[in-house]
N, C-alpha and C. Protein backbone atom coordinates (compact mmCIF):
# COMPACT_ATOMS: atom_id res chain seq x y z
N MET A 1 121.43 120.02 79.39
CA MET A 1 122.53 120.95 79.55
C MET A 1 123.84 120.16 79.55
N LYS A 2 124.77 120.58 78.70
CA LYS A 2 126.07 119.93 78.61
C LYS A 2 126.97 120.42 79.74
N ILE A 3 127.80 119.53 80.25
CA ILE A 3 128.78 119.88 81.28
C ILE A 3 130.13 120.07 80.59
N TYR A 4 130.72 121.25 80.77
CA TYR A 4 132.00 121.57 80.16
C TYR A 4 133.11 121.48 81.19
N GLU A 5 134.26 120.97 80.76
CA GLU A 5 135.46 120.99 81.59
C GLU A 5 136.10 122.37 81.43
N ILE A 6 136.54 122.97 82.52
CA ILE A 6 137.16 124.29 82.50
C ILE A 6 138.67 124.13 82.59
N LYS A 7 139.39 124.73 81.65
CA LYS A 7 140.86 124.73 81.68
C LYS A 7 141.33 126.18 81.60
N PHE A 8 142.50 126.44 82.17
CA PHE A 8 143.04 127.80 82.23
C PHE A 8 144.41 127.86 81.57
N LYS A 9 144.64 128.91 80.80
CA LYS A 9 146.00 129.20 80.34
C LYS A 9 146.72 129.89 81.49
N LYS A 10 148.04 129.86 81.44
CA LYS A 10 148.88 130.36 82.53
C LYS A 10 148.59 131.83 82.86
N GLN A 11 148.47 132.69 81.84
CA GLN A 11 148.24 134.12 82.07
C GLN A 11 146.95 134.36 82.82
N ALA A 12 145.89 133.67 82.44
CA ALA A 12 144.59 133.86 83.08
C ALA A 12 144.64 133.43 84.54
N LEU A 13 145.24 132.29 84.80
CA LEU A 13 145.34 131.78 86.16
C LEU A 13 146.18 132.70 87.04
N LYS A 14 147.27 133.22 86.49
CA LYS A 14 148.14 134.14 87.23
C LYS A 14 147.39 135.42 87.60
N PHE A 15 146.60 135.96 86.66
CA PHE A 15 145.83 137.17 86.94
C PHE A 15 144.81 136.92 88.04
N ILE A 16 144.09 135.82 87.95
CA ILE A 16 143.05 135.52 88.95
C ILE A 16 143.68 135.33 90.33
N LYS A 17 144.81 134.65 90.40
CA LYS A 17 145.48 134.42 91.68
C LYS A 17 146.04 135.71 92.28
N SER A 18 146.24 136.74 91.47
CA SER A 18 146.78 138.00 91.98
C SER A 18 145.71 138.89 92.60
N ARG A 19 144.45 138.52 92.48
CA ARG A 19 143.33 139.29 93.04
C ARG A 19 143.14 138.95 94.51
N THR A 20 142.31 139.73 95.19
CA THR A 20 141.97 139.44 96.59
C THR A 20 141.15 138.16 96.65
N ALA A 21 141.07 137.55 97.81
CA ALA A 21 140.34 136.29 97.96
C ALA A 21 138.87 136.46 97.56
N LYS A 22 138.28 137.58 97.94
CA LYS A 22 136.87 137.83 97.61
C LYS A 22 136.68 137.94 96.09
N GLU A 23 137.59 138.65 95.43
CA GLU A 23 137.48 138.81 93.98
C GLU A 23 137.79 137.50 93.26
N GLN A 24 138.74 136.72 93.78
CA GLN A 24 139.02 135.41 93.19
C GLN A 24 137.77 134.54 93.19
N MET A 25 137.06 134.54 94.30
CA MET A 25 135.84 133.75 94.43
C MET A 25 134.79 134.23 93.42
N ARG A 26 134.65 135.53 93.29
CA ARG A 26 133.69 136.10 92.36
C ARG A 26 134.01 135.71 90.91
N LEU A 27 135.29 135.79 90.54
CA LEU A 27 135.71 135.45 89.19
C LEU A 27 135.53 133.96 88.91
N THR A 28 135.98 133.11 89.83
CA THR A 28 135.86 131.67 89.59
C THR A 28 134.41 131.22 89.56
N ASN A 29 133.56 131.80 90.39
CA ASN A 29 132.13 131.47 90.34
C ASN A 29 131.55 131.80 88.98
N ALA A 30 131.91 132.97 88.43
CA ALA A 30 131.41 133.38 87.12
C ALA A 30 131.94 132.45 86.03
N ILE A 31 133.21 132.06 86.12
CA ILE A 31 133.81 131.18 85.11
C ILE A 31 133.15 129.81 85.12
N TYR A 32 132.87 129.27 86.29
CA TYR A 32 132.29 127.93 86.36
C TYR A 32 130.82 127.90 85.98
N LYS A 33 130.20 129.04 85.71
CA LYS A 33 128.84 129.08 85.19
C LYS A 33 128.82 129.11 83.66
N LEU A 34 130.02 129.23 83.05
CA LEU A 34 130.11 129.26 81.59
C LEU A 34 129.69 127.93 81.00
N PRO A 35 129.15 127.91 79.82
CA PRO A 35 128.80 129.01 78.92
C PRO A 35 127.35 129.45 79.05
N TYR A 36 126.72 129.14 80.19
CA TYR A 36 125.27 129.34 80.30
C TYR A 36 124.84 130.63 80.98
N ALA A 37 125.71 131.28 81.74
CA ALA A 37 125.29 132.47 82.48
C ALA A 37 126.39 133.52 82.46
N GLY A 38 125.99 134.78 82.57
CA GLY A 38 126.95 135.87 82.63
C GLY A 38 126.77 136.83 81.47
N ASP A 39 127.51 137.92 81.52
CA ASP A 39 127.51 138.93 80.46
C ASP A 39 128.51 138.48 79.40
N ILE A 40 128.03 137.70 78.43
CA ILE A 40 128.88 137.05 77.44
C ILE A 40 128.63 137.67 76.07
N VAL A 41 129.73 137.97 75.37
CA VAL A 41 129.65 138.51 74.01
C VAL A 41 130.65 137.75 73.15
N LYS A 42 130.22 137.35 71.94
CA LYS A 42 131.13 136.70 70.99
C LYS A 42 132.09 137.75 70.47
N MET A 43 133.38 137.42 70.43
CA MET A 43 134.39 138.37 69.98
C MET A 43 134.52 138.32 68.45
N GLU A 44 134.60 139.50 67.85
CA GLU A 44 134.74 139.59 66.40
C GLU A 44 136.13 139.13 65.98
N GLY A 45 136.20 138.51 64.81
CA GLY A 45 137.48 138.08 64.28
C GLY A 45 137.92 136.71 64.75
N PHE A 46 137.13 136.06 65.60
CA PHE A 46 137.45 134.73 66.11
C PHE A 46 136.26 133.81 65.86
N SER A 47 136.55 132.55 65.60
CA SER A 47 135.45 131.62 65.33
C SER A 47 134.79 131.11 66.61
N ASN A 48 135.56 130.97 67.68
CA ASN A 48 134.98 130.40 68.90
C ASN A 48 135.44 131.09 70.18
N ARG A 49 135.78 132.39 70.10
CA ARG A 49 136.25 133.11 71.29
C ARG A 49 135.15 134.06 71.77
N TYR A 50 135.00 134.10 73.10
CA TYR A 50 133.98 134.91 73.74
C TYR A 50 134.60 135.73 74.85
N ARG A 51 133.85 136.75 75.30
CA ARG A 51 134.28 137.63 76.38
C ARG A 51 133.24 137.58 77.48
N LEU A 52 133.68 137.38 78.70
CA LEU A 52 132.83 137.41 79.88
C LEU A 52 133.19 138.64 80.69
N ARG A 53 132.20 139.44 81.05
CA ARG A 53 132.44 140.63 81.87
C ARG A 53 132.05 140.31 83.30
N VAL A 54 132.98 140.55 84.22
CA VAL A 54 132.72 140.40 85.66
C VAL A 54 133.21 141.68 86.31
N GLY A 55 132.31 142.64 86.50
CA GLY A 55 132.70 143.94 87.04
C GLY A 55 133.69 144.62 86.10
N GLY A 56 134.86 145.00 86.61
CA GLY A 56 135.87 145.67 85.81
C GLY A 56 136.86 144.70 85.15
N VAL A 57 136.59 143.42 85.25
CA VAL A 57 137.49 142.40 84.69
C VAL A 57 136.86 141.79 83.45
N ARG A 58 137.70 141.53 82.44
CA ARG A 58 137.25 140.86 81.23
C ARG A 58 137.97 139.53 81.12
N ILE A 59 137.21 138.49 80.87
CA ILE A 59 137.75 137.14 80.75
C ILE A 59 137.47 136.66 79.34
N GLN A 60 138.52 136.34 78.61
CA GLN A 60 138.37 135.81 77.26
C GLN A 60 138.48 134.29 77.33
N TYR A 61 137.56 133.62 76.64
CA TYR A 61 137.61 132.16 76.66
C TYR A 61 137.20 131.60 75.31
N GLU A 62 137.60 130.37 75.07
CA GLU A 62 137.23 129.63 73.87
C GLU A 62 136.33 128.48 74.28
N LYS A 63 135.28 128.27 73.51
CA LYS A 63 134.34 127.18 73.78
C LYS A 63 134.51 126.13 72.69
N HIS A 64 134.89 124.93 73.10
CA HIS A 64 135.09 123.83 72.16
C HIS A 64 133.97 122.82 72.38
N ASP A 65 132.92 122.93 71.55
CA ASP A 65 131.73 122.08 71.71
C ASP A 65 131.98 120.61 71.39
N ASP A 66 132.94 120.33 70.51
CA ASP A 66 133.18 118.94 70.12
C ASP A 66 133.74 118.09 71.27
N VAL A 67 134.49 118.71 72.18
CA VAL A 67 135.07 117.98 73.32
C VAL A 67 134.58 118.53 74.67
N TYR A 68 133.64 119.45 74.64
CA TYR A 68 133.04 120.04 75.85
C TYR A 68 134.09 120.63 76.79
N ILE A 69 134.91 121.53 76.23
CA ILE A 69 135.95 122.20 77.02
C ILE A 69 135.79 123.70 76.88
N ILE A 70 135.91 124.40 78.00
CA ILE A 70 136.02 125.86 78.03
C ILE A 70 137.47 126.15 78.38
N LEU A 71 138.19 126.85 77.50
CA LEU A 71 139.58 127.21 77.74
C LEU A 71 139.62 128.71 78.05
N VAL A 72 139.93 129.06 79.30
CA VAL A 72 140.06 130.47 79.69
C VAL A 72 141.42 130.93 79.20
N VAL A 73 141.40 131.79 78.18
CA VAL A 73 142.61 132.20 77.50
C VAL A 73 143.27 133.38 78.18
N ARG A 74 142.47 134.34 78.62
CA ARG A 74 143.04 135.57 79.17
C ARG A 74 142.06 136.19 80.17
N ALA A 75 142.61 136.79 81.20
CA ALA A 75 141.84 137.57 82.17
C ALA A 75 142.64 138.83 82.46
N ASP A 76 141.95 139.97 82.43
CA ASP A 76 142.66 141.23 82.63
C ASP A 76 141.66 142.31 83.02
N ASN A 77 142.19 143.43 83.49
CA ASN A 77 141.34 144.58 83.78
C ASN A 77 140.75 145.11 82.48
N ARG A 78 139.63 145.77 82.57
CA ARG A 78 138.88 146.21 81.41
C ARG A 78 139.73 146.96 80.39
N GLY A 79 140.52 147.91 80.81
CA GLY A 79 141.31 148.73 79.90
C GLY A 79 142.46 148.00 79.24
N ASP A 80 142.89 146.89 79.83
CA ASP A 80 144.06 146.17 79.31
C ASP A 80 143.70 144.88 78.58
N ALA A 81 142.43 144.53 78.54
CA ALA A 81 142.02 143.21 78.06
C ALA A 81 142.03 143.07 76.55
N TYR A 82 142.00 144.15 75.81
CA TYR A 82 141.85 144.00 74.35
C TYR A 82 143.08 144.41 73.65
C-alpha cells in the first residue's frame, strides 16, 4: 500500500474549518483514508479528479500517483459542490 501526502487548497481547508469540531474530525478522518477507503467516484471530464462523499458533504480531490500526493481541491455541501 502506497502512502500519499495530503495537501489542501485554500477553499477546501476554509470549508472544513467552518464546520463543527465533530464534523471536522469526521471529514479529516475520511480524507486521510484516501485513496483506499470511502464512497469514491471518478469525476467525468477529468483525468485524475475524484469525488469523496461524506454524508452531505462532497470532497473533490486529485490523485497524483507519480509523486504520491492527494490534493484536496474543493469541499462543499452536496447541492453546491458541482
